[in-house]
Amino acid sequence: VFMTDTRFQSATLNTSTGHNNQWTIHTADDIFISTHLVLATGGWTNNCLANIHRAGSTTPLCRPLPLTVTVEQATYFQPKPSSSLDWTPPAFPILLSLREPLLTYTRRVV
Protein backbone atom coordinates (compact mmCIF):
# COMPACT_ATOMS: atom_id res chain seq x y z
CA VAL A 1 0.00 0.00 0.00
CA PHE A 2 1.40 3.38 -1.00
CA MET A 3 -0.14 6.21 0.99
CA THR A 4 0.32 9.96 0.77
CA ASP A 5 -0.82 12.59 3.23
CA THR A 6 -1.19 9.91 5.90
CA ARG A 7 -0.05 10.51 9.45
CA PHE A 8 2.16 7.67 10.69
CA GLN A 9 1.70 6.94 14.39
CA SER A 10 3.68 3.77 15.12
CA ALA A 11 4.94 0.45 13.80
CA THR A 12 5.55 -2.78 15.69
CA LEU A 13 7.65 -5.67 14.40
CA ASN A 14 6.29 -9.08 15.42
CA THR A 15 8.98 -11.76 15.11
CA SER A 16 7.15 -14.51 17.02
CA THR A 17 6.64 -17.94 15.44
CA GLY A 18 4.06 -17.94 12.67
CA HIS A 19 4.18 -14.20 12.01
CA ASN A 20 7.15 -14.20 9.58
CA ASN A 21 8.42 -10.77 10.68
CA GLN A 22 5.12 -8.95 10.22
CA TRP A 23 4.78 -5.24 10.79
CA THR A 24 1.69 -3.78 12.41
CA ILE A 25 1.50 -0.20 11.17
CA HIS A 26 -0.76 2.35 12.86
CA THR A 27 -1.78 5.50 11.00
CA ALA A 28 -4.20 8.20 12.10
CA ASP A 29 -6.95 6.46 10.11
CA ASP A 30 -6.22 2.72 10.01
CA ILE A 31 -4.09 -0.27 11.01
CA PHE A 32 -2.16 -2.29 8.41
CA ILE A 33 -0.28 -5.59 8.52
CA SER A 34 2.72 -5.94 6.21
CA THR A 35 5.98 -7.83 5.74
CA HIS A 36 7.79 -4.61 4.75
CA LEU A 37 7.88 -1.06 6.05
CA VAL A 38 9.12 1.94 4.05
CA LEU A 39 8.75 5.48 5.38
CA ALA A 40 9.41 8.62 3.34
CA THR A 41 9.16 11.09 6.18
CA GLY A 42 11.59 13.94 5.52
CA GLY A 43 11.93 16.20 8.54
CA TRP A 44 9.74 13.90 10.64
CA THR A 45 12.12 10.93 10.29
CA ASN A 46 13.42 10.91 13.87
CA ASN A 47 9.92 11.34 15.33
CA CYS A 48 8.83 8.30 13.30
CA LEU A 49 11.91 6.23 14.20
CA ALA A 50 11.15 6.80 17.89
CA ASN A 51 7.79 5.07 17.35
CA ILE A 52 9.06 1.88 15.70
CA HIS A 53 9.36 -0.99 18.20
CA ARG A 54 9.65 -4.74 18.48
CA ALA A 55 6.47 -6.39 19.81
CA GLY A 56 6.43 -6.38 23.62
CA SER A 57 9.09 -3.66 23.90
CA THR A 58 9.02 0.11 24.26
CA THR A 59 12.65 0.52 23.14
CA PRO A 60 12.87 2.00 19.62
CA LEU A 61 14.40 -0.33 17.01
CA CYS A 62 16.37 2.53 15.44
CA ARG A 63 18.60 5.27 16.75
CA PRO A 64 17.94 8.89 15.76
CA LEU A 65 19.72 9.97 12.58
CA PRO A 66 21.86 13.14 12.48
CA LEU A 67 19.66 14.94 9.95
CA THR A 68 19.73 18.55 8.89
CA VAL A 69 16.45 19.55 7.30
CA THR A 70 16.58 22.32 4.71
CA VAL A 71 14.01 23.99 2.51
CA GLU A 72 14.87 23.97 -1.19
CA GLN A 73 13.21 25.50 -4.20
CA ALA A 74 12.93 23.06 -7.10
CA THR A 75 13.02 24.76 -10.50
CA TYR A 76 12.73 23.11 -13.89
CA PHE A 77 13.70 24.67 -17.21
CA GLN A 78 12.50 23.62 -20.62
CA PRO A 79 15.49 22.98 -22.91
CA LYS A 80 15.92 24.79 -26.18
CA PRO A 81 15.02 22.59 -29.14
CA SER A 82 18.62 22.91 -30.36
CA SER A 83 20.08 21.68 -27.04
CA SER A 84 22.68 18.94 -27.45
CA LEU A 85 22.18 17.73 -23.84
CA ASP A 86 20.19 14.62 -23.11
CA TRP A 87 17.18 15.92 -21.14
CA THR A 88 15.49 12.54 -20.75
CA PRO A 89 15.50 10.53 -17.49
CA PRO A 90 17.85 9.41 -16.04
CA ALA A 91 20.31 11.83 -17.67
CA PHE A 92 18.20 14.90 -16.84
CA PRO A 93 20.54 17.62 -15.52
CA ILE A 94 20.04 18.86 -11.97
CA LEU A 95 20.63 22.49 -11.03
CA LEU A 96 21.22 23.38 -7.37
CA SER A 97 21.77 26.83 -5.98
CA LEU A 98 23.50 26.05 -2.69
CA ARG A 99 24.33 29.61 -1.61
CA GLU A 100 24.79 32.95 -3.21
CA PRO A 101 26.45 33.37 -5.67
CA LEU A 102 27.45 29.69 -6.09
CA LEU A 103 25.47 27.70 -8.64
CA THR A 104 26.07 23.98 -8.93
CA TYR A 105 25.29 22.07 -12.11
CA THR A 106 25.18 18.30 -11.94
CA ARG A 107 24.57 16.00 -14.85
CA ARG A 108 24.09 12.35 -14.09
CA VAL A 109 25.81 10.17 -16.67
CA VAL A 110 24.64 6.59 -16.97
C-alpha atoms as a PDB file:
ATOM      1  CA  VAL A   1       0.000   0.000   0.000  1.00  0.00           C
ATOM      2  CA  PHE A   2       1.397   3.378  -1.002  1.00  0.00           C
ATOM      3  CA  MET A   3      -0.140   6.205   0.990  1.00  0.00           C
ATOM      4  CA  THR A   4       0.316   9.961   0.768  1.00  0.00           C
ATOM      5  CA  ASP A   5      -0.825  12.593   3.232  1.00  0.00           C
ATOM      6  CA  THR A   6      -1.188   9.913   5.904  1.00  0.00           C
ATOM      7  CA  ARG A   7      -0.048  10.506   9.452  1.00  0.00           C
ATOM      8  CA  PHE A   8       2.165   7.667  10.692  1.00  0.00           C
ATOM      9  CA  GLN A   9       1.699   6.938  14.390  1.00  0.00           C
ATOM     10  CA  SER A  10       3.684   3.768  15.119  1.00  0.00           C
ATOM     11  CA  ALA A  11       4.939   0.449  13.802  1.00  0.00           C
ATOM     12  CA  THR A  12       5.545  -2.779  15.690  1.00  0.00           C
ATOM     13  CA  LEU A  13       7.646  -5.673  14.404  1.00  0.00           C
ATOM     14  CA  ASN A  14       6.286  -9.084  15.417  1.00  0.00           C
ATOM     15  CA  THR A  15       8.976 -11.763  15.115  1.00  0.00           C
ATOM     16  CA  SER A  16       7.154 -14.510  17.018  1.00  0.00           C
ATOM     17  CA  THR A  17       6.639 -17.943  15.442  1.00  0.00           C
ATOM     18  CA  GLY A  18       4.063 -17.938  12.668  1.00  0.00           C
ATOM     19  CA  HIS A  19       4.175 -14.197  12.012  1.00  0.00           C
ATOM     20  CA  ASN A  20       7.149 -14.201   9.584  1.00  0.00           C
ATOM     21  CA  ASN A  21       8.417 -10.768  10.677  1.00  0.00           C
ATOM     22  CA  GLN A  22       5.125  -8.953  10.220  1.00  0.00           C
ATOM     23  CA  TRP A  23       4.784  -5.242  10.788  1.00  0.00           C
ATOM     24  CA  THR A  24       1.694  -3.783  12.412  1.00  0.00           C
ATOM     25  CA  ILE A  25       1.496  -0.195  11.173  1.00  0.00           C
ATOM     26  CA  HIS A  26      -0.759   2.350  12.858  1.00  0.00           C
ATOM     27  CA  THR A  27      -1.777   5.496  11.002  1.00  0.00           C
ATOM     28  CA  ALA A  28      -4.197   8.195  12.098  1.00  0.00           C
ATOM     29  CA  ASP A  29      -6.954   6.458  10.107  1.00  0.00           C
ATOM     30  CA  ASP A  30      -6.224   2.724  10.015  1.00  0.00           C
ATOM     31  CA  ILE A  31      -4.088  -0.270  11.005  1.00  0.00           C
ATOM     32  CA  PHE A  32      -2.159  -2.293   8.405  1.00  0.00           C
ATOM     33  CA  ILE A  33      -0.280  -5.592   8.523  1.00  0.00           C
ATOM     34  CA  SER A  34       2.722  -5.939   6.208  1.00  0.00           C
ATOM     35  CA  THR A  35       5.982  -7.826   5.743  1.00  0.00           C
ATOM     36  CA  HIS A  36       7.794  -4.608   4.745  1.00  0.00           C
ATOM     37  CA  LEU A  37       7.884  -1.060   6.047  1.00  0.00           C
ATOM     38  CA  VAL A  38       9.118   1.936   4.048  1.00  0.00           C
ATOM     39  CA  LEU A  39       8.749   5.475   5.383  1.00  0.00           C
ATOM     40  CA  ALA A  40       9.412   8.616   3.343  1.00  0.00           C
ATOM     41  CA  THR A  41       9.156  11.094   6.185  1.00  0.00           C
ATOM     42  CA  GLY A  42      11.593  13.936   5.521  1.00  0.00           C
ATOM     43  CA  GLY A  43      11.928  16.205   8.536  1.00  0.00           C
ATOM     44  CA  TRP A  44       9.736  13.899  10.636  1.00  0.00           C
ATOM     45  CA  THR A  45      12.123  10.931  10.292  1.00  0.00           C
ATOM     46  CA  ASN A  46      13.425  10.911  13.871  1.00  0.00           C
ATOM     47  CA  ASN A  47       9.919  11.335  15.326  1.00  0.00           C
ATOM     48  CA  CYS A  48       8.827   8.303  13.305  1.00  0.00           C
ATOM     49  CA  LEU A  49      11.906   6.231  14.201  1.00  0.00           C
ATOM     50  CA  ALA A  50      11.149   6.797  17.893  1.00  0.00           C
ATOM     51  CA  ASN A  51       7.792   5.071  17.354  1.00  0.00           C
ATOM     52  CA  ILE A  52       9.062   1.875  15.704  1.00  0.00           C
ATOM     53  CA  HIS A  53       9.361  -0.992  18.198  1.00  0.00           C
ATOM     54  CA  ARG A  54       9.646  -4.740  18.478  1.00  0.00           C
ATOM     55  CA  ALA A  55       6.470  -6.393  19.811  1.00  0.00           C
ATOM     56  CA  GLY A  56       6.434  -6.379  23.621  1.00  0.00           C
ATOM     57  CA  SER A  57       9.092  -3.660  23.903  1.00  0.00           C
ATOM     58  CA  THR A  58       9.016   0.107  24.263  1.00  0.00           C
ATOM     59  CA  THR A  59      12.651   0.518  23.141  1.00  0.00           C
ATOM     60  CA  PRO A  60      12.870   2.001  19.619  1.00  0.00           C
ATOM     61  CA  LEU A  61      14.397  -0.331  17.005  1.00  0.00           C
ATOM     62  CA  CYS A  62      16.366   2.528  15.437  1.00  0.00           C
ATOM     63  CA  ARG A  63      18.599   5.270  16.751  1.00  0.00           C
ATOM     64  CA  PRO A  64      17.938   8.891  15.759  1.00  0.00           C
ATOM     65  CA  LEU A  65      19.723   9.966  12.584  1.00  0.00           C
ATOM     66  CA  PRO A  66      21.865  13.136  12.484  1.00  0.00           C
ATOM     67  CA  LEU A  67      19.663  14.935   9.954  1.00  0.00           C
ATOM     68  CA  THR A  68      19.731  18.553   8.892  1.00  0.00           C
ATOM     69  CA  VAL A  69      16.452  19.545   7.299  1.00  0.00           C
ATOM     70  CA  THR A  70      16.582  22.324   4.713  1.00  0.00           C
ATOM     71  CA  VAL A  71      14.009  23.989   2.512  1.00  0.00           C
ATOM     72  CA  GLU A  72      14.869  23.973  -1.186  1.00  0.00           C
ATOM     73  CA  GLN A  73      13.211  25.498  -4.201  1.00  0.00           C
ATOM     74  CA  ALA A  74      12.929  23.063  -7.100  1.00  0.00           C
ATOM     75  CA  THR A  75      13.021  24.759 -10.500  1.00  0.00           C
ATOM     76  CA  TYR A  76      12.731  23.106 -13.892  1.00  0.00           C
ATOM     77  CA  PHE A  77      13.695  24.672 -17.209  1.00  0.00           C
ATOM     78  CA  GLN A  78      12.503  23.619 -20.617  1.00  0.00           C
ATOM     79  CA  PRO A  79      15.494  22.976 -22.914  1.00  0.00           C
ATOM     80  CA  LYS A  80      15.922  24.790 -26.176  1.00  0.00           C
ATOM     81  CA  PRO A  81      15.018  22.586 -29.143  1.00  0.00           C
ATOM     82  CA  SER A  82      18.622  22.913 -30.356  1.00  0.00           C
ATOM     83  CA  SER A  83      20.082  21.685 -27.042  1.00  0.00           C
ATOM     84  CA  SER A  84      22.678  18.937 -27.447  1.00  0.00           C
ATOM     85  CA  LEU A  85      22.177  17.727 -23.841  1.00  0.00           C
ATOM     86  CA  ASP A  86      20.192  14.616 -23.109  1.00  0.00           C
ATOM     87  CA  TRP A  87      17.184  15.917 -21.136  1.00  0.00           C
ATOM     88  CA  THR A  88      15.490  12.538 -20.752  1.00  0.00           C
ATOM     89  CA  PRO A  89      15.498  10.527 -17.492  1.00  0.00           C
ATOM     90  CA  PRO A  90      17.850   9.411 -16.043  1.00  0.00           C
ATOM     91  CA  ALA A  91      20.312  11.834 -17.673  1.00  0.00           C
ATOM     92  CA  PHE A  92      18.198  14.899 -16.836  1.00  0.00           C
ATOM     93  CA  PRO A  93      20.541  17.616 -15.523  1.00  0.00           C
ATOM     94  CA  ILE A  94      20.039  18.861 -11.970  1.00  0.00           C
ATOM     95  CA  LEU A  95      20.629  22.492 -11.028  1.00  0.00           C
ATOM     96  CA  LEU A  96      21.220  23.378  -7.369  1.00  0.00           C
ATOM     97  CA  SER A  97      21.765  26.828  -5.981  1.00  0.00           C
ATOM     98  CA  LEU A  98      23.502  26.047  -2.689  1.00  0.00           C
ATOM     99  CA  ARG A  99      24.325  29.605  -1.612  1.00  0.00           C
ATOM    100  CA  GLU A 100      24.793  32.947  -3.214  1.00  0.00           C
ATOM    101  CA  PRO A 101      26.453  33.374  -5.673  1.00  0.00           C
ATOM    102  CA  LEU A 102      27.450  29.694  -6.086  1.00  0.00           C
ATOM    103  CA  LEU A 103      25.469  27.702  -8.639  1.00  0.00           C
ATOM    104  CA  THR A 104      26.067  23.975  -8.929  1.00  0.00           C
ATOM    105  CA  TYR A 105      25.293  22.069 -12.106  1.00  0.00           C
ATOM    106  CA  THR A 106      25.182  18.301 -11.938  1.00  0.00           C
ATOM    107  CA  ARG A 107      24.566  15.997 -14.852  1.00  0.00           C
ATOM    108  CA  ARG A 108      24.090  12.349 -14.092  1.00  0.00           C
ATOM    109  CA  VAL A 109      25.810  10.173 -16.672  1.00  0.00           C
ATOM    110  CA  VAL A 110      24.638   6.591 -16.972  1.00  0.00           C
END
